[in-house]
Amino acid sequence: VLERRSFGALGWNIAYDFTQGDLDVCI
């Protein structure tokens, strides 16, 4: 989900600020 941002609008319509904190909570 982080790397999809590098594809611009092809990856996400909006560039979201997913962070390491999101992963830490899931873990």
PDB file of all heavy atoms in Angstrom:
ATOM      1  N   VAL A   1       0.829  -1.210   0.000  1.00  0.00           N
ATOM      2  CA  VAL A   1       0.000   0.000   0.000  1.00  0.00           C
ATOM      3  C   VAL A   1       0.866   1.263   0.000  1.00  0.00           C
ATOM      4  O   VAL A   1       0.464   2.303  -0.539  1.00  0.00           O
ATOM      5  CB  VAL A   1      -0.988   0.013   1.187  1.00  0.00           C
ATOM      6  CG1 VAL A   1      -1.967  -1.141   1.071  1.00  0.00           C
ATOM      7  CG2 VAL A   1      -0.282  -0.008   2.530  1.00  0.00           C
ATOM      8  N   LEU A   2       2.059   1.185   0.597  1.00  0.00           N
ATOM      9  CA  LEU A   2       2.958   2.333   0.551  1.00  0.00           C
ATOM     10  C   LEU A   2       3.496   2.555  -0.856  1.00  0.00           C
ATOM     11  O   LEU A   2       3.537   3.685  -1.348  1.00  0.00           O
ATOM     12  CB  LEU A   2       4.124   2.139   1.526  1.00  0.00           C
ATOM     13  CG  LEU A   2       3.866   2.385   3.009  1.00  0.00           C
ATOM     14  CD1 LEU A   2       5.163   2.198   3.800  1.00  0.00           C
ATOM     15  CD2 LEU A   2       3.320   3.783   3.271  1.00  0.00           C
ATOM     16  N   GLU A   3       3.916   1.471  -1.515  1.00  0.00           N
ATOM     17  CA  GLU A   3       4.532   1.599  -2.829  1.00  0.00           C
ATOM     18  C   GLU A   3       3.538   1.976  -3.917  1.00  0.00           C
ATOM     19  O   GLU A   3       3.921   2.549  -4.929  1.00  0.00           O
ATOM     20  CB  GLU A   3       5.242   0.285  -3.201  1.00  0.00           C
ATOM     21  CG  GLU A   3       6.585   0.110  -2.527  1.00  0.00           C
ATOM     22  CD  GLU A   3       7.532   1.258  -2.836  1.00  0.00           C
ATOM     23  OE1 GLU A   3       7.876   1.460  -4.014  1.00  0.00           O
ATOM     24  OE2 GLU A   3       7.914   1.967  -1.900  1.00  0.00           O
ATOM     25  N   ARG A   4       2.270   1.686  -3.721  1.00  0.00           N
ATOM     26  CA  ARG A   4       1.276   2.078  -4.726  1.00  0.00           C
ATOM     27  C   ARG A   4       1.206   3.594  -4.889  1.00  0.00           C
ATOM     28  O   ARG A   4       0.787   4.092  -5.934  1.00  0.00           O
ATOM     29  CB  ARG A   4      -0.108   1.527  -4.346  1.00  0.00           C
ATOM     30  CG  ARG A   4      -0.334   0.083  -4.772  1.00  0.00           C
ATOM     31  CD  ARG A   4      -1.700  -0.403  -4.324  1.00  0.00           C
ATOM     32  NE  ARG A   4      -2.769   0.260  -5.068  1.00  0.00           N
ATOM     33  CZ  ARG A   4      -3.451  -0.296  -6.064  1.00  0.00           C
ATOM     34  NH1 ARG A   4      -3.151  -1.526  -6.466  1.00  0.00           N
ATOM     35  NH2 ARG A   4      -4.441   0.359  -6.666  1.00  0.00           N
ATOM     36  N   ARG A   5       1.629   4.338  -3.883  1.00  0.00           N
ATOM     37  CA  ARG A   5       1.626   5.808  -3.992  1.00  0.00           C
ATOM     38  C   ARG A   5       2.574   6.293  -5.071  1.00  0.00           C
ATOM     39  O   ARG A   5       2.364   7.347  -5.666  1.00  0.00           O
ATOM     40  CB  ARG A   5       2.014   6.437  -2.647  1.00  0.00           C
ATOM     41  CG  ARG A   5       0.974   6.303  -1.581  1.00  0.00           C
ATOM     42  CD  ARG A   5       1.394   7.005  -0.329  1.00  0.00           C
ATOM     43  NE  ARG A   5       2.763   6.697   0.050  1.00  0.00           N
ATOM     44  CZ  ARG A   5       3.303   7.043   1.212  1.00  0.00           C
ATOM     45  NH1 ARG A   5       2.611   7.728   2.070  1.00  0.00           N
ATOM     46  NH2 ARG A   5       4.540   6.723   1.493  1.00  0.00           N
ATOM     47  N   SER A   6       3.636   5.538  -5.333  1.00  0.00           N
ATOM     48  CA  SER A   6       4.616   5.973  -6.327  1.00  0.00           C
ATOM     49  C   SER A   6       4.049   5.913  -7.750  1.00  0.00           C
ATOM     50  O   SER A   6       4.658   6.460  -8.673  1.00  0.00           O
ATOM     51  CB  SER A   6       5.879   5.106  -6.243  1.00  0.00           C
ATOM     52  OG  SER A   6       5.603   3.755  -6.577  1.00  0.00           O
ATOM     53  N   PHE A   7       2.884   5.271  -7.925  1.00  0.00           N
ATOM     54  CA  PHE A   7       2.257   5.189  -9.240  1.00  0.00           C
ATOM     55  C   PHE A   7       1.246   6.307  -9.470  1.00  0.00           C
ATOM     56  O   PHE A   7       0.525   6.302 -10.461  1.00  0.00           O
ATOM     57  CB  PHE A   7       1.568   3.835  -9.415  1.00  0.00           C
ATOM     58  CG  PHE A   7       2.518   2.666  -9.444  1.00  0.00           C
ATOM     59  CD1 PHE A   7       2.848   1.991  -8.279  1.00  0.00           C
ATOM     60  CD2 PHE A   7       3.100   2.256 -10.628  1.00  0.00           C
ATOM     61  CE1 PHE A   7       3.726   0.924  -8.294  1.00  0.00           C
ATOM     62  CE2 PHE A   7       3.974   1.188 -10.659  1.00  0.00           C
ATOM     63  CZ  PHE A   7       4.296   0.518  -9.487  1.00  0.00           C
ATOM     64  N   GLY A   8       1.195   7.267  -8.565  1.00  0.00           N
ATOM     65  CA  GLY A   8       0.291   8.403  -8.721  1.00  0.00           C
ATOM     66  C   GLY A   8      -1.163   7.965  -8.696  1.00  0.00           C
ATOM     67  O   GLY A   8      -1.568   7.109  -7.897  1.00  0.00           O
ATOM     68  N   ALA A   9      -1.955   8.527  -9.603  1.00  0.00           N
ATOM     69  CA  ALA A   9      -3.388   8.232  -9.640  1.00  0.00           C
ATOM     70  C   ALA A   9      -3.673   6.786 -10.024  1.00  0.00           C
ATOM     71  O   ALA A   9      -4.782   6.291  -9.787  1.00  0.00           O
ATOM     72  CB  ALA A   9      -4.087   9.180 -10.603  1.00  0.00           C
ATOM     73  N   LEU A  10      -2.700   6.109 -10.620  1.00  0.00           N
ATOM     74  CA  LEU A  10      -2.896   4.689 -10.932  1.00  0.00           C
ATOM     75  C   LEU A  10      -2.896   3.853  -9.664  1.00  0.00           C
ATOM     76  O   LEU A  10      -3.523   2.790  -9.614  1.00  0.00           O
ATOM     77  CB  LEU A  10      -1.796   4.192 -11.876  1.00  0.00           C
ATOM     78  CG  LEU A  10      -1.789   4.775 -13.290  1.00  0.00           C
ATOM     79  CD1 LEU A  10      -0.573   4.265 -14.055  1.00  0.00           C
ATOM     80  CD2 LEU A  10      -3.064   4.420 -14.028  1.00  0.00           C
ATOM     81  N   GLY A  11      -2.180   4.317  -8.647  1.00  0.00           N
ATOM     82  CA  GLY A  11      -2.107   3.581  -7.381  1.00  0.00           C
ATOM     83  C   GLY A  11      -3.263   3.913  -6.462  1.00  0.00           C
ATOM     84  O   GLY A  11      -4.006   3.030  -6.020  1.00  0.00           O
ATOM     85  N   TRP A  12      -3.399   5.193  -6.135  1.00  0.00           N
ATOM     86  CA  TRP A  12      -4.498   5.683  -5.305  1.00  0.00           C
ATOM     87  C   TRP A  12      -5.023   6.977  -5.905  1.00  0.00           C
ATOM     88  O   TRP A  12      -4.254   7.790  -6.409  1.00  0.00           O
ATOM     89  CB  TRP A  12      -4.046   5.950  -3.868  1.00  0.00           C
ATOM     90  CG  TRP A  12      -3.438   4.789  -3.145  1.00  0.00           C
ATOM     91  CD1 TRP A  12      -2.136   4.644  -2.770  1.00  0.00           C
ATOM     92  CD2 TRP A  12      -4.110   3.600  -2.700  1.00  0.00           C
ATOM     93  NE1 TRP A  12      -1.946   3.449  -2.130  1.00  0.00           N
ATOM     94  CE2 TRP A  12      -3.146   2.783  -2.068  1.00  0.00           C
ATOM     95  CE3 TRP A  12      -5.421   3.148  -2.770  1.00  0.00           C
ATOM     96  CZ2 TRP A  12      -3.464   1.550  -1.511  1.00  0.00           C
ATOM     97  CZ3 TRP A  12      -5.743   1.916  -2.225  1.00  0.00           C
ATOM     98  CH2 TRP A  12      -4.764   1.128  -1.594  1.00  0.00           C
ATOM     99  N   ASN A  13      -6.317   7.162  -5.839  1.00  0.00           N
ATOM    100  CA  ASN A  13      -6.895   8.429  -6.297  1.00  0.00           C
ATOM    101  C   ASN A  13      -6.424   9.588  -5.431  1.00  0.00           C
ATOM    102  O   ASN A  13      -6.305  10.720  -5.891  1.00  0.00           O
ATOM    103  CB  ASN A  13      -8.430   8.355  -6.279  1.00  0.00           C
ATOM    104  CG  ASN A  13      -8.960   7.424  -7.357  1.00  0.00           C
ATOM    105  OD1 ASN A  13      -8.449   7.403  -8.475  1.00  0.00           O
ATOM    106  ND2 ASN A  13      -9.969   6.643  -7.029  1.00  0.00           N
ATOM    107  N   ILE A  14      -6.180   9.293  -4.160  1.00  0.00           N
ATOM    108  CA  ILE A  14      -5.667  10.279  -3.207  1.00  0.00           C
ATOM    109  C   ILE A  14      -4.423   9.687  -2.561  1.00  0.00           C
ATOM    110  O   ILE A  14      -4.415   8.505  -2.194  1.00  0.00           O
ATOM    111  CB  ILE A  14      -6.724  10.614  -2.135  1.00  0.00           C
ATOM    112  CG1 ILE A  14      -7.984  11.183  -2.789  1.00  0.00           C
ATOM    113  CG2 ILE A  14      -6.167  11.598  -1.111  1.00  0.00           C
ATOM    114  CD1 ILE A  14      -9.153  11.349  -1.842  1.00  0.00           C
ATOM    115  N   ALA A  15      -3.369  10.484  -2.404  1.00  0.00           N
ATOM    116  CA  ALA A  15      -2.122   9.988  -1.788  1.00  0.00           C
ATOM    117  C   ALA A  15      -2.292   9.970  -0.271  1.00  0.00           C
ATOM    118  O   ALA A  15      -2.252  11.009   0.383  1.00  0.00           O
ATOM    119  CB  ALA A  15      -0.949  10.880  -2.192  1.00  0.00           C
ATOM    120  N   TYR A  16      -2.476   8.783   0.294  1.00  0.00           N
ATOM    121  CA  TYR A  16      -2.724   8.662   1.734  1.00  0.00           C
ATOM    122  C   TYR A  16      -1.409   8.515   2.495  1.00  0.00           C
ATOM    123  O   TYR A  16      -0.460   7.902   2.014  1.00  0.00           O
ATOM    124  CB  TYR A  16      -3.623   7.449   2.012  1.00  0.00           C
ATOM    125  CG  TYR A  16      -4.950   7.530   1.296  1.00  0.00           C
ATOM    126  CD1 TYR A  16      -5.185   6.764   0.150  1.00  0.00           C
ATOM    127  CD2 TYR A  16      -5.950   8.382   1.733  1.00  0.00           C
ATOM    128  CE1 TYR A  16      -6.398   6.834  -0.524  1.00  0.00           C
ATOM    129  CE2 TYR A  16      -7.167   8.466   1.062  1.00  0.00           C
ATOM    130  CZ  TYR A  16      -7.380   7.697  -0.067  1.00  0.00           C
ATOM    131  OH  TYR A  16      -8.568   7.775  -0.728  1.00  0.00           O
ATOM    132  N   ASP A  17      -1.396   9.054   3.703  1.00  0.00           N
ATOM    133  CA  ASP A  17      -0.189   9.017   4.533  1.00  0.00           C
ATOM    134  C   ASP A  17      -0.214   7.796   5.458  1.00  0.00           C
ATOM    135  O   ASP A  17      -0.284   7.911   6.684  1.00  0.00           O
ATOM    136  CB  ASP A  17      -0.065  10.302   5.360  1.00  0.00           C
ATOM    137  CG  ASP A  17       0.192  11.523   4.500  1.00  0.00           C
ATOM    138  OD1 ASP A  17       0.662  11.342   3.368  1.00  0.00           O
ATOM    139  OD2 ASP A  17      -0.089  12.643   4.950  1.00  0.00           O
ATOM    140  N   PHE A  18      -0.179   6.595   4.875  1.00  0.00           N
ATOM    141  CA  PHE A  18      -0.045   5.395   5.692  1.00  0.00           C
ATOM    142  C   PHE A  18       1.329   5.420   6.369  1.00  0.00           C
ATOM    143  O   PHE A  18       2.334   5.785   5.751  1.00  0.00           O
ATOM    144  CB  PHE A  18      -0.170   4.136   4.834  1.00  0.00           C
ATOM    145  CG  PHE A  18      -1.486   4.018   4.115  1.00  0.00           C
ATOM    146  CD1 PHE A  18      -1.528   3.978   2.724  1.00  0.00           C
ATOM    147  CD2 PHE A  18      -2.676   3.962   4.804  1.00  0.00           C
ATOM    148  CE1 PHE A  18      -2.725   3.862   2.048  1.00  0.00           C
ATOM    149  CE2 PHE A  18      -3.886   3.858   4.135  1.00  0.00           C
ATOM    150  CZ  PHE A  18      -3.918   3.806   2.762  1.00  0.00           C
ATOM    151  N   THR A  19       1.385   5.026   7.631  1.00  0.00           N
ATOM    152  CA  THR A  19       2.633   5.122   8.387  1.00  0.00           C
ATOM    153  C   THR A  19       2.971   3.802   9.075  1.00  0.00           C
ATOM    154  O   THR A  19       2.153   2.866   9.111  1.00  0.00           O
ATOM    155  CB  THR A  19       2.546   6.224   9.458  1.00  0.00           C
ATOM    156  OG1 THR A  19       1.606   5.829  10.475  1.00  0.00           O
ATOM    157  CG2 THR A  19       2.106   7.552   8.851  1.00  0.00           C
ATOM    158  N   GLN A  20       4.150   3.759   9.642  1.00  0.00           N
ATOM    159  CA  GLN A  20       4.573   2.596  10.415  1.00  0.00           C
ATOM    160  C   GLN A  20       3.656   2.375  11.605  1.00  0.00           C
ATOM    161  O   GLN A  20       3.459   1.237  12.052  1.00  0.00           O
ATOM    162  CB  GLN A  20       6.021   2.790  10.887  1.00  0.00           C
ATOM    163  CG  GLN A  20       6.645   1.602  11.581  1.00  0.00           C
ATOM    164  CD  GLN A  20       6.897   0.430  10.654  1.00  0.00           C
ATOM    165  OE1 GLN A  20       7.084   0.627   9.459  1.00  0.00           O
ATOM    166  NE2 GLN A  20       6.898  -0.784  11.190  1.00  0.00           N
ATOM    167  N   GLY A  21       3.076   3.453  12.112  1.00  0.00           N
ATOM    168  CA  GLY A  21       2.155   3.323  13.239  1.00  0.00           C
ATOM    169  C   GLY A  21       0.938   2.481  12.894  1.00  0.00           C
ATOM    170  O   GLY A  21       0.417   1.743  13.744  1.00  0.00           O
ATOM    171  N   ASP A  22       0.452   2.569  11.654  1.00  0.00           N
ATOM    172  CA  ASP A  22      -0.682   1.738  11.229  1.00  0.00           C
ATOM    173  C   ASP A  22      -0.310   0.259  11.294  1.00  0.00           C
ATOM    174  O   ASP A  22      -1.112  -0.579  11.743  1.00  0.00           O
ATOM    175  CB  ASP A  22      -1.097   2.103   9.802  1.00  0.00           C
ATOM    176  CG  ASP A  22      -1.519   3.557   9.671  1.00  0.00           C
ATOM    177  OD1 ASP A  22      -2.140   4.081  10.617  1.00  0.00           O
ATOM    178  OD2 ASP A  22      -1.228   4.175   8.632  1.00  0.00           O
ATOM    179  N   LEU A  23       0.889  -0.062  10.850  1.00  0.00           N
ATOM    180  CA  LEU A  23       1.347  -1.452  10.900  1.00  0.00           C
ATOM    181  C   LEU A  23       1.520  -1.915  12.341  1.00  0.00           C
ATOM    182  O   LEU A  23       1.140  -3.038  12.697  1.00  0.00           O
ATOM    183  CB  LEU A  23       2.663  -1.589  10.134  1.00  0.00           C
ATOM    184  CG  LEU A  23       3.333  -2.956  10.174  1.00  0.00           C
ATOM    185  CD1 LEU A  23       2.439  -4.019   9.549  1.00  0.00           C
ATOM    186  CD2 LEU A  23       4.697  -2.913   9.455  1.00  0.00           C
ATOM    187  N   ASP A  24       2.084  -1.061  13.192  1.00  0.00           N
ATOM    188  CA  ASP A  24       2.315  -1.435  14.594  1.00  0.00           C
ATOM    189  C   ASP A  24       1.013  -1.788  15.306  1.00  0.00           C
ATOM    190  O   ASP A  24       0.947  -2.750  16.088  1.00  0.00           O
ATOM    191  CB  ASP A  24       3.023  -0.297  15.334  1.00  0.00           C
ATOM    192  CG  ASP A  24       4.452  -0.080  14.849  1.00  0.00           C
ATOM    193  OD1 ASP A  24       5.003  -1.002  14.220  1.00  0.00           O
ATOM    194  OD2 ASP A  24       5.004   1.006  15.093  1.00  0.00           O
ATOM    195  N   VAL A  25      -0.036  -1.013  15.041  1.00  0.00           N
ATOM    196  CA  VAL A  25      -1.333  -1.296  15.662  1.00  0.00           C
ATOM    197  C   VAL A  25      -1.860  -2.636  15.188  1.00  0.00           C
ATOM    198  O   VAL A  25      -2.375  -3.447  15.984  1.00  0.00           O
ATOM    199  CB  VAL A  25      -2.336  -0.163  15.348  1.00  0.00           C
ATOM    200  CG1 VAL A  25      -3.738  -0.554  15.821  1.00  0.00           C
ATOM    201  CG2 VAL A  25      -1.911   1.129  16.017  1.00  0.00           C
ATOM    202  N   CYS A  26      -1.749  -2.923  13.895  1.00  0.00           N
ATOM    203  CA  CYS A  26      -2.213  -4.204  13.350  1.00  0.00           C
ATOM    204  C   CYS A  26      -1.449  -5.376  13.964  1.00  0.00           C
ATOM    205  O   CYS A  26      -2.035  -6.432  14.243  1.00  0.00           O
ATOM    206  CB  CYS A  26      -2.059  -4.221  11.832  1.00  0.00           C
ATOM    207  SG  CYS A  26      -3.228  -3.166  10.959  1.00  0.00           S
ATOM    208  N   ILE A  27      -0.155  -5.199  14.180  1.00  0.00           N
ATOM    209  CA  ILE A  27       0.657  -6.266  14.777  1.00  0.00           C
ATOM    210  C   ILE A  27       0.218  -6.527  16.210  1.00  0.00           C
ATOM    211  O   ILE A  27       0.097  -7.682  16.650  1.00  0.00           O
ATOM    212  CB  ILE A  27       2.152  -5.898  14.709  1.00  0.00           C
ATOM    213  CG1 ILE A  27       2.630  -5.889  13.260  1.00  0.00           C
ATOM    214  CG2 ILE A  27       2.982  -6.880  15.532  1.00  0.00           C
ATOM    215  CD1 ILE A  27       4.059  -5.387  13.084  1.00  0.00           C
TER     216      ILE A  27
END
